[in-house]
């Protein structure tokens, strides 16, 4: 079983004006990530899970809907998924 760690920016983003649909999809995303890790996320075509490049090299992105994304990275040796951001499709790195 995989462990999910959320950056404090994620809590802040989710407490703001986020549509209920996005919150439900994110909870489903977390369930799948906990049970089967990144390989399970890649199997579900709706998430369109992909690796990022450029400034975000080493991170991955999953689609929650057409606009919202989950940006995360995987620490495979400890079975850890670190969620860095939930964003309305803004990949500028802070």
PDB file of N, CA and C in Angstrom:
ATOM      1  N   UNK A   1       0.847  -1.185   0.000  1.00  0.00           N
ATOM      2  CA  UNK A   1       0.000   0.000   0.000  1.00  0.00           C
ATOM      3  C   UNK A   1       0.893   1.248   0.000  1.00  0.00           C
ATOM      4  N   UNK A   2       0.536   2.206  -0.812  1.00  0.00           N
ATOM      5  CA  UNK A   2       1.290   3.448  -0.949  1.00  0.00           C
ATOM      6  C   UNK A   2       0.804   4.478   0.059  1.00  0.00           C
ATOM      7  N   UNK A   3       1.696   5.374   0.446  1.00  0.00           N
ATOM      8  CA  UNK A   3       1.365   6.456   1.366  1.00  0.00           C
ATOM      9  C   UNK A   3       1.285   7.759   0.564  1.00  0.00           C
ATOM     10  N   UNK A   4       0.333   8.627   0.903  1.00  0.00           N
ATOM     11  CA  UNK A   4       0.148   9.916   0.232  1.00  0.00           C
ATOM     12  C   UNK A   4       0.556  11.022   1.190  1.00  0.00           C
ATOM     13  N   UNK A   5       1.429  11.911   0.738  1.00  0.00           N
ATOM     14  CA  UNK A   5       1.816  13.104   1.495  1.00  0.00           C
ATOM     15  C   UNK A   5       1.357  14.316   0.704  1.00  0.00           C
ATOM     16  N   UNK A   6       0.684  15.233   1.356  1.00  0.00           N
ATOM     17  CA  UNK A   6       0.218  16.447   0.683  1.00  0.00           C
ATOM     18  C   UNK A   6       1.004  17.658   1.180  1.00  0.00           C
ATOM     19  N   UNK A   7       1.505  18.435   0.245  1.00  0.00           N
ATOM     20  CA  UNK A   7       2.195  19.679   0.578  1.00  0.00           C
ATOM     21  C   UNK A   7       1.180  20.642   1.185  1.00  0.00           C
ATOM     22  N   UNK A   8       1.644  21.562   2.010  1.00  0.00           N
ATOM     23  CA  UNK A   8       0.706  22.500   2.653  1.00  0.00           C
ATOM     24  C   UNK A   8      -0.024  23.370   1.626  1.00  0.00           C
ATOM     25  N   UNK A   9       0.554  23.566   0.435  1.00  0.00           N
ATOM     26  CA  UNK A   9      -0.132  24.319  -0.620  1.00  0.00           C
ATOM     27  C   UNK A   9      -1.394  23.593  -1.088  1.00  0.00           C
ATOM     28  N   UNK A  10      -1.387  22.272  -0.987  1.00  0.00           N
ATOM     29  CA  UNK A  10      -2.551  21.492  -1.409  1.00  0.00           C
ATOM     30  C   UNK A  10      -3.728  21.780  -0.488  1.00  0.00           C
ATOM     31  N   UNK A  11      -3.477  21.757   0.826  1.00  0.00           N
ATOM     32  CA  UNK A  11      -4.539  22.086   1.785  1.00  0.00           C
ATOM     33  C   UNK A  11      -5.106  23.466   1.523  1.00  0.00           C
ATOM     34  N   UNK A  12      -4.222  24.416   1.292  1.00  0.00           N
ATOM     35  CA  UNK A  12      -4.633  25.793   1.039  1.00  0.00           C
ATOM     36  C   UNK A  12      -5.467  25.883  -0.237  1.00  0.00           C
ATOM     37  N   UNK A  13      -5.032  25.189  -1.287  1.00  0.00           N
ATOM     38  CA  UNK A  13      -5.762  25.214  -2.554  1.00  0.00           C
ATOM     39  C   UNK A  13      -7.145  24.583  -2.414  1.00  0.00           C
ATOM     40  N   UNK A  14      -7.230  23.502  -1.646  1.00  0.00           N
ATOM     41  CA  UNK A  14      -8.508  22.804  -1.495  1.00  0.00           C
ATOM     42  C   UNK A  14      -9.481  23.538  -0.578  1.00  0.00           C
ATOM     43  N   UNK A  15      -8.976  24.432   0.262  1.00  0.00           N
ATOM     44  CA  UNK A  15      -9.871  25.191   1.128  1.00  0.00           C
ATOM     45  C   UNK A  15     -10.452  26.405   0.408  1.00  0.00           C
ATOM     46  N   UNK A  16      -9.929  26.721  -0.747  1.00  0.00           N
ATOM     47  CA  UNK A  16     -10.414  27.861  -1.534  1.00  0.00           C
ATOM     48  C   UNK A  16     -11.603  27.476  -2.394  1.00  0.00           C
ATOM     49  N   UNK A  17     -11.877  28.284  -3.403  1.00  0.00           N
ATOM     50  CA  UNK A  17     -13.035  28.013  -4.273  1.00  0.00           C
ATOM     51  C   UNK A  17     -12.746  26.899  -5.290  1.00  0.00           C
ATOM     52  N   UNK A  18     -12.881  25.662  -4.837  1.00  0.00           N
ATOM     53  CA  UNK A  18     -12.662  24.504  -5.695  1.00  0.00           C
ATOM     54  C   UNK A  18     -14.013  23.828  -5.920  1.00  0.00           C
ATOM     55  N   UNK A  19     -14.359  23.525  -7.174  1.00  0.00           N
ATOM     56  CA  UNK A  19     -15.640  22.854  -7.432  1.00  0.00           C
ATOM     57  C   UNK A  19     -15.742  21.506  -6.721  1.00  0.00           C
ATOM     58  N   UNK A  20     -16.937  21.159  -6.296  1.00  0.00           N
ATOM     59  CA  UNK A  20     -17.178  19.900  -5.582  1.00  0.00           C
ATOM     60  C   UNK A  20     -16.760  18.697  -6.427  1.00  0.00           C
ATOM     61  N   UNK A  21     -16.949  18.778  -7.726  1.00  0.00           N
ATOM     62  CA  UNK A  21     -16.553  17.694  -8.637  1.00  0.00           C
ATOM     63  C   UNK A  21     -15.044  17.416  -8.535  1.00  0.00           C
ATOM     64  N   UNK A  22     -14.261  18.467  -8.419  1.00  0.00           N
ATOM     65  CA  UNK A  22     -12.809  18.328  -8.321  1.00  0.00           C
ATOM     66  C   UNK A  22     -12.435  17.659  -7.000  1.00  0.00           C
ATOM     67  N   UNK A  23     -13.082  18.048  -5.919  1.00  0.00           N
ATOM     68  CA  UNK A  23     -12.809  17.429  -4.616  1.00  0.00           C
ATOM     69  C   UNK A  23     -13.108  15.928  -4.648  1.00  0.00           C
ATOM     70  N   UNK A  24     -14.229  15.542  -5.284  1.00  0.00           N
ATOM     71  CA  UNK A  24     -14.591  14.127  -5.389  1.00  0.00           C
ATOM     72  C   UNK A  24     -13.588  13.367  -6.236  1.00  0.00           C
ATOM     73  N   UNK A  25     -13.181  13.946  -7.366  1.00  0.00           N
ATOM     74  CA  UNK A  25     -12.202  13.292  -8.251  1.00  0.00           C
ATOM     75  C   UNK A  25     -10.843  13.159  -7.559  1.00  0.00           C
ATOM     76  N   UNK A  26     -10.469  14.170  -6.779  1.00  0.00           N
ATOM     77  CA  UNK A  26      -9.196  14.110  -6.069  1.00  0.00           C
ATOM     78  C   UNK A  26      -9.220  13.000  -5.014  1.00  0.00           C
ATOM     79  N   UNK A  27     -10.332  12.862  -4.309  1.00  0.00           N
ATOM     80  CA  UNK A  27     -10.454  11.776  -3.331  1.00  0.00           C
ATOM     81  C   UNK A  27     -10.347  10.417  -4.019  1.00  0.00           C
ATOM     82  N   UNK A  28     -10.969  10.268  -5.184  1.00  0.00           N
ATOM     83  CA  UNK A  28     -10.881   9.025  -5.953  1.00  0.00           C
ATOM     84  C   UNK A  28      -9.440   8.799  -6.412  1.00  0.00           C
ATOM     85  N   UNK A  29      -8.766   9.878  -6.857  1.00  0.00           N
ATOM     86  CA  UNK A  29      -7.369   9.809  -7.285  1.00  0.00           C
ATOM     87  C   UNK A  29      -6.492   9.308  -6.133  1.00  0.00           C
ATOM     88  N   UNK A  30      -6.722   9.852  -4.927  1.00  0.00           N
ATOM     89  CA  UNK A  30      -5.942   9.431  -3.758  1.00  0.00           C
ATOM     90  C   UNK A  30      -6.185   7.963  -3.429  1.00  0.00           C
ATOM     91  N   UNK A  31      -7.430   7.512  -3.524  1.00  0.00           N
ATOM     92  CA  UNK A  31      -7.747   6.107  -3.249  1.00  0.00           C
ATOM     93  C   UNK A  31      -6.968   5.182  -4.189  1.00  0.00           C
ATOM     94  N   UNK A  32      -6.980   5.518  -5.473  1.00  0.00           N
ATOM     95  CA  UNK A  32      -6.276   4.695  -6.463  1.00  0.00           C
ATOM     96  C   UNK A  32      -4.776   4.751  -6.218  1.00  0.00           C
ATOM     97  N   UNK A  33      -4.237   5.933  -5.932  1.00  0.00           N
ATOM     98  CA  UNK A  33      -2.802   6.082  -5.688  1.00  0.00           C
ATOM     99  C   UNK A  33      -2.374   5.290  -4.454  1.00  0.00           C
ATOM    100  N   UNK A  34      -3.200   5.269  -3.417  1.00  0.00           N
ATOM    101  CA  UNK A  34      -2.857   4.520  -2.203  1.00  0.00           C
ATOM    102  C   UNK A  34      -2.859   3.017  -2.448  1.00  0.00           C
ATOM    103  N   UNK A  35      -3.833   2.545  -3.214  1.00  0.00           N
ATOM    104  CA  UNK A  35      -3.954   1.114  -3.436  1.00  0.00           C
ATOM    105  C   UNK A  35      -2.932   0.570  -4.424  1.00  0.00           C
ATOM    106  N   UNK A  36      -2.734   1.275  -5.550  1.00  0.00           N
ATOM    107  CA  UNK A  36      -1.882   0.695  -6.594  1.00  0.00           C
ATOM    108  C   UNK A  36      -0.771   1.612  -7.084  1.00  0.00           C
ATOM    109  N   UNK A  37      -0.619   2.790  -6.484  1.00  0.00           N
ATOM    110  CA  UNK A  37       0.488   3.674  -6.841  1.00  0.00           C
ATOM    111  C   UNK A  37       0.373   4.253  -8.239  1.00  0.00           C
ATOM    112  N   UNK A  38       1.464   4.777  -8.759  1.00  0.00           N
ATOM    113  CA  UNK A  38       1.463   5.424 -10.063  1.00  0.00           C
ATOM    114  C   UNK A  38       1.065   4.498 -11.215  1.00  0.00           C
ATOM    115  N   UNK A  39       1.381   3.220 -11.107  1.00  0.00           N
ATOM    116  CA  UNK A  39       1.004   2.305 -12.190  1.00  0.00           C
ATOM    117  C   UNK A  39      -0.516   2.197 -12.305  1.00  0.00           C
ATOM    118  N   UNK A  40      -1.225   2.230 -11.186  1.00  0.00           N
ATOM    119  CA  UNK A  40      -2.690   2.210 -11.221  1.00  0.00           C
ATOM    120  C   UNK A  40      -3.264   3.480 -11.808  1.00  0.00           C
ATOM    121  N   UNK A  41      -2.623   4.622 -11.531  1.00  0.00           N
ATOM    122  CA  UNK A  41      -3.084   5.894 -12.094  1.00  0.00           C
ATOM    123  C   UNK A  41      -2.918   5.916 -13.609  1.00  0.00           C
ATOM    124  N   UNK A  42      -1.833   5.311 -14.099  1.00  0.00           N
ATOM    125  CA  UNK A  42      -1.591   5.296 -15.543  1.00  0.00           C
ATOM    126  C   UNK A  42      -2.593   4.412 -16.270  1.00  0.00           C
ATOM    127  N   UNK A  43      -3.155   3.420 -15.587  1.00  0.00           N
ATOM    128  CA  UNK A  43      -4.117   2.529 -16.226  1.00  0.00           C
ATOM    129  C   UNK A  43      -5.459   3.195 -16.500  1.00  0.00           C
ATOM    130  N   UNK A  44      -5.788   4.241 -15.758  1.00  0.00           N
ATOM    131  CA  UNK A  44      -7.073   4.914 -15.930  1.00  0.00           C
ATOM    132  C   UNK A  44      -6.878   6.062 -16.916  1.00  0.00           C
ATOM    133  N   UNK A  45      -7.387   5.886 -18.122  1.00  0.00           N
ATOM    134  CA  UNK A  45      -7.149   6.841 -19.202  1.00  0.00           C
ATOM    135  C   UNK A  45      -7.686   8.237 -18.908  1.00  0.00           C
ATOM    136  N   UNK A  46      -8.742   8.354 -18.121  1.00  0.00           N
ATOM    137  CA  UNK A  46      -9.331   9.651 -17.800  1.00  0.00           C
ATOM    138  C   UNK A  46      -8.385  10.573 -17.050  1.00  0.00           C
ATOM    139  N   UNK A  47      -7.449  10.006 -16.291  1.00  0.00           N
ATOM    140  CA  UNK A  47      -6.492  10.824 -15.552  1.00  0.00           C
ATOM    141  C   UNK A  47      -5.374  11.346 -16.446  1.00  0.00           C
ATOM    142  N   UNK A  48      -5.164  10.715 -17.584  1.00  0.00           N
ATOM    143  CA  UNK A  48      -4.085  11.087 -18.507  1.00  0.00           C
ATOM    144  C   UNK A  48      -2.798  11.397 -17.754  1.00  0.00           C
ATOM    145  N   UNK A  49      -2.387  10.451 -16.952  1.00  0.00           N
ATOM    146  CA  UNK A  49      -1.186  10.602 -16.132  1.00  0.00           C
ATOM    147  C   UNK A  49       0.051  10.639 -17.024  1.00  0.00           C
ATOM    148  N   UNK A  50       0.912  11.635 -16.800  1.00  0.00           N
ATOM    149  CA  UNK A  50       2.098  11.790 -17.648  1.00  0.00           C
ATOM    150  C   UNK A  50       3.238  12.405 -16.858  1.00  0.00           C
ATOM    151  N   UNK A  51       4.452  12.139 -17.320  1.00  0.00           N
ATOM    152  CA  UNK A  51       5.616  12.765 -16.690  1.00  0.00           C
ATOM    153  C   UNK A  51       5.779  14.168 -17.264  1.00  0.00           C
ATOM    154  N   UNK A  52       6.324  15.055 -16.443  1.00  0.00           N
ATOM    155  CA  UNK A  52       6.530  16.441 -16.857  1.00  0.00           C
ATOM    156  C   UNK A  52       7.995  16.655 -17.217  1.00  0.00           C
ATOM    157  N   UNK A  53       8.260  17.741 -17.923  1.00  0.00           N
ATOM    158  CA  UNK A  53       9.631  18.041 -18.329  1.00  0.00           C
ATOM    159  C   UNK A  53       9.956  19.489 -17.989  1.00  0.00           C
ATOM    160  N   UNK A  54      11.155  19.913 -18.330  1.00  0.00           N
ATOM    161  CA  UNK A  54      11.567  21.287 -18.047  1.00  0.00           C
ATOM    162  C   UNK A  54      11.792  21.490 -16.567  1.00  0.00           C
ATOM    163  N   UNK A  55      11.268  22.588 -16.031  1.00  0.00           N
ATOM    164  CA  UNK A  55      11.425  22.891 -14.605  1.00  0.00           C
ATOM    165  C   UNK A  55      10.784  21.831 -13.717  1.00  0.00           C
ATOM    166  N   UNK A  56       9.796  21.137 -14.248  1.00  0.00           N
ATOM    167  CA  UNK A  56       9.070  20.128 -13.479  1.00  0.00           C
ATOM    168  C   UNK A  56       9.583  18.714 -13.731  1.00  0.00           C
ATOM    169  N   UNK A  57      10.778  18.556 -14.279  1.00  0.00           N
ATOM    170  CA  UNK A  57      11.320  17.224 -14.538  1.00  0.00           C
ATOM    171  C   UNK A  57      11.397  16.441 -13.231  1.00  0.00           C
ATOM    172  N   UNK A  58      10.986  15.177 -13.280  1.00  0.00           N
ATOM    173  CA  UNK A  58      10.954  14.337 -12.088  1.00  0.00           C
ATOM    174  C   UNK A  58       9.584  14.307 -11.427  1.00  0.00           C
ATOM    175  N   UNK A  59       8.656  15.112 -11.918  1.00  0.00           N
ATOM    176  CA  UNK A  59       7.295  15.164 -11.392  1.00  0.00           C
ATOM    177  C   UNK A  59       6.340  14.576 -12.418  1.00  0.00           C
ATOM    178  N   UNK A  60       5.132  14.280 -11.964  1.00  0.00           N
ATOM    179  CA  UNK A  60       4.088  13.751 -12.840  1.00  0.00           C
ATOM    180  C   UNK A  60       2.831  14.598 -12.680  1.00  0.00           C
ATOM    181  N   UNK A  61       1.947  14.496 -13.657  1.00  0.00           N
ATOM    182  CA  UNK A  61       0.693  15.230 -13.638  1.00  0.00           C
ATOM    183  C   UNK A  61      -0.448  14.280 -13.972  1.00  0.00           C
ATOM    184  N   UNK A  62      -1.546  14.413 -13.239  1.00  0.00           N
ATOM    185  CA  UNK A  62      -2.779  13.671 -13.535  1.00  0.00           C
ATOM    186  C   UNK A  62      -3.899  14.674 -13.714  1.00  0.00           C
ATOM    187  N   UNK A  63      -4.771  14.401 -14.663  1.00  0.00           N
ATOM    188  CA  UNK A  63      -5.885  15.296 -14.959  1.00  0.00           C
ATOM    189  C   UNK A  63      -7.093  14.935 -14.099  1.00  0.00           C
ATOM    190  N   UNK A  64      -7.650  15.943 -13.415  1.00  0.00           N
ATOM    191  CA  UNK A  64      -8.896  15.734 -12.667  1.00  0.00           C
ATOM    192  C   UNK A  64     -10.096  16.095 -13.525  1.00  0.00           C
ATOM    193  N   UNK A  65      -9.936  17.076 -14.388  1.00  0.00           N
ATOM    194  CA  UNK A  65     -10.901  17.409 -15.440  1.00  0.00           C
ATOM    195  C   UNK A  65     -10.144  18.180 -16.512  1.00  0.00           C
ATOM    196  N   UNK A  66     -10.819  18.845 -17.420  1.00  0.00           N
ATOM    197  CA  UNK A  66     -10.107  19.552 -18.485  1.00  0.00           C
ATOM    198  C   UNK A  66      -9.180  20.639 -17.964  1.00  0.00           C
ATOM    199  N   UNK A  67      -9.511  21.231 -16.824  1.00  0.00           N
ATOM    200  CA  UNK A  67      -8.727  22.348 -16.309  1.00  0.00           C
ATOM    201  C   UNK A  67      -7.819  21.962 -15.147  1.00  0.00           C
ATOM    202  N   UNK A  68      -8.304  21.217 -14.190  1.00  0.00           N
ATOM    203  CA  UNK A  68      -7.578  20.960 -12.938  1.00  0.00           C
ATOM    204  C   UNK A  68      -6.633  19.773 -13.042  1.00  0.00           C
ATOM    205  N   UNK A  69      -5.441  19.918 -12.444  1.00  0.00           N
ATOM    206  CA  UNK A  69      -4.410  18.889 -12.443  1.00  0.00           C
ATOM    207  C   UNK A  69      -3.876  18.639 -11.034  1.00  0.00           C
ATOM    208  N   UNK A  70      -3.386  17.430 -10.817  1.00  0.00           N
ATOM    209  CA  UNK A  70      -2.638  17.086  -9.611  1.00  0.00           C
ATOM    210  C   UNK A  70      -1.191  16.933 -10.054  1.00  0.00           C
ATOM    211  N   UNK A  71      -0.292  17.647  -9.419  1.00  0.00           N
ATOM    212  CA  UNK A  71       1.134  17.510  -9.707  1.00  0.00           C
ATOM    213  C   UNK A  71       1.761  16.799  -8.516  1.00  0.00           C
ATOM    214  N   UNK A  72       2.493  15.731  -8.803  1.00  0.00           N
ATOM    215  CA  UNK A  72       3.056  14.925  -7.729  1.00  0.00           C
ATOM    216  C   UNK A  72       4.382  14.313  -8.161  1.00  0.00           C
ATOM    217  N   UNK A  73       5.086  13.756  -7.194  1.00  0.00           N
ATOM    218  CA  UNK A  73       6.283  12.983  -7.507  1.00  0.00           C
ATOM    219  C   UNK A  73       6.244  11.694  -6.714  1.00  0.00           C
ATOM    220  N   UNK A  74       7.001  10.720  -7.168  1.00  0.00           N
ATOM    221  CA  UNK A  74       6.989   9.387  -6.587  1.00  0.00           C
ATOM    222  C   UNK A  74       8.339   9.097  -5.952  1.00  0.00           C
ATOM    223  N   UNK A  75       8.308   8.606  -4.726  1.00  0.00           N
ATOM    224  CA  UNK A  75       9.507   8.117  -4.050  1.00  0.00           C
ATOM    225  C   UNK A  75       9.301   6.606  -3.928  1.00  0.00           C
ATOM    226  N   UNK A  76       9.794   5.881  -4.923  1.00  0.00           N
ATOM    227  CA  UNK A  76       9.468   4.459  -5.072  1.00  0.00           C
ATOM    228  C   UNK A  76      10.030   3.588  -3.950  1.00  0.00           C
ATOM    229  N   UNK A  77      11.207   3.904  -3.451  1.00  0.00           N
ATOM    230  CA  UNK A  77      11.805   3.017  -2.450  1.00  0.00           C
ATOM    231  C   UNK A  77      11.047   3.016  -1.124  1.00  0.00           C
ATOM    232  N   UNK A  78      10.242   4.060  -0.861  1.00  0.00           N
ATOM    233  CA  UNK A  78       9.435   4.088   0.361  1.00  0.00           C
ATOM    234  C   UNK A  78       7.938   4.016   0.069  1.00  0.00           C
ATOM    235  N   UNK A  79       7.575   3.714  -1.180  1.00  0.00           N
ATOM    236  CA  UNK A  79       6.169   3.644  -1.603  1.00  0.00           C
ATOM    237  C   UNK A  79       5.420   4.915  -1.189  1.00  0.00           C
ATOM    238  N   UNK A  80       5.945   6.047  -1.607  1.00  0.00           N
ATOM    239  CA  UNK A  80       5.405   7.347  -1.219  1.00  0.00           C
ATOM    240  C   UNK A  80       5.030   8.157  -2.452  1.00  0.00           C
ATOM    241  N   UNK A  81       3.845   8.758  -2.446  1.00  0.00           N
ATOM    242  CA  UNK A  81       3.414   9.692  -3.478  1.00  0.00           C
ATOM    243  C   UNK A  81       3.300  11.048  -2.800  1.00  0.00           C
ATOM    244  N   UNK A  82       4.111  12.011  -3.219  1.00  0.00           N
ATOM    245  CA  UNK A  82       4.080  13.353  -2.639  1.00  0.00           C
ATOM    246  C   UNK A  82       3.297  14.276  -3.564  1.00  0.00           C
ATOM    247  N   UNK A  83       2.119  14.718  -3.133  1.00  0.00           N
ATOM    248  CA  UNK A  83       1.302  15.639  -3.909  1.00  0.00           C
ATOM    249  C   UNK A  83       1.832  17.043  -3.645  1.00  0.00           C
ATOM    250  N   UNK A  84       2.288  17.697  -4.698  1.00  0.00           N
ATOM    251  CA  UNK A  84       2.889  19.015  -4.581  1.00  0.00           C
ATOM    252  C   UNK A  84       1.850  20.106  -4.778  1.00  0.00           C
ATOM    253  N   UNK A  85       0.972  19.898  -5.724  1.00  0.00           N
ATOM    254  CA  UNK A  85       0.017  20.942  -6.073  1.00  0.00           C
ATOM    255  C   UNK A  85      -1.251  20.374  -6.684  1.00  0.00           C
ATOM    256  N   UNK A  86      -2.348  21.079  -6.449  1.00  0.00           N
ATOM    257  CA  UNK A  86      -3.574  20.885  -7.217  1.00  0.00           C
ATOM    258  C   UNK A  86      -3.835  22.243  -7.825  1.00  0.00           C
ATOM    259  N   UNK A  87      -3.866  22.303  -9.130  1.00  0.00           N
ATOM    260  CA  UNK A  87      -3.879  23.594  -9.784  1.00  0.00           C
ATOM    261  C   UNK A  87      -4.824  23.611 -10.983  1.00  0.00           C
ATOM    262  N   UNK A  88      -5.409  24.769 -11.253  1.00  0.00           N
ATOM    263  CA  UNK A  88      -6.218  24.883 -12.467  1.00  0.00           C
ATOM    264  C   UNK A  88      -5.314  25.095 -13.681  1.00  0.00           C
ATOM    265  N   UNK A  89      -4.491  24.077 -13.975  1.00  0.00           N
ATOM    266  CA  UNK A  89      -3.622  24.015 -15.158  1.00  0.00           C
ATOM    267  C   UNK A  89      -2.651  25.181 -15.257  1.00  0.00           C
ATOM    268  N   UNK A  90      -1.901  25.394 -14.188  1.00  0.00           N
ATOM    269  CA  UNK A  90      -0.876  26.431 -14.154  1.00  0.00           C
ATOM    270  C   UNK A  90       0.423  25.753 -13.724  1.00  0.00           C
ATOM    271  N   UNK A  91       1.325  25.529 -14.681  1.00  0.00           N
ATOM    272  CA  UNK A  91       2.539  24.770 -14.402  1.00  0.00           C
ATOM    273  C   UNK A  91       3.727  25.636 -14.041  1.00  0.00           C
ATOM    274  N   UNK A  92       3.524  26.922 -13.780  1.00  0.00           N
ATOM    275  CA  UNK A  92       4.647  27.754 -13.361  1.00  0.00           C
ATOM    276  C   UNK A  92       5.111  27.279 -11.996  1.00  0.00           C
ATOM    277  N   UNK A  93       6.382  27.019 -11.886  1.00  0.00           N
ATOM    278  CA  UNK A  93       6.907  26.517 -10.624  1.00  0.00           C
ATOM    279  C   UNK A  93       7.191  27.697  -9.701  1.00  0.00           C
ATOM    280  N   UNK A  94       6.782  27.580  -8.422  1.00  0.00           N
ATOM    281  CA  UNK A  94       6.993  28.702  -7.492  1.00  0.00           C
ATOM    282  C   UNK A  94       8.465  28.955  -7.204  1.00  0.00           C
TER     283      UNK A  94
END
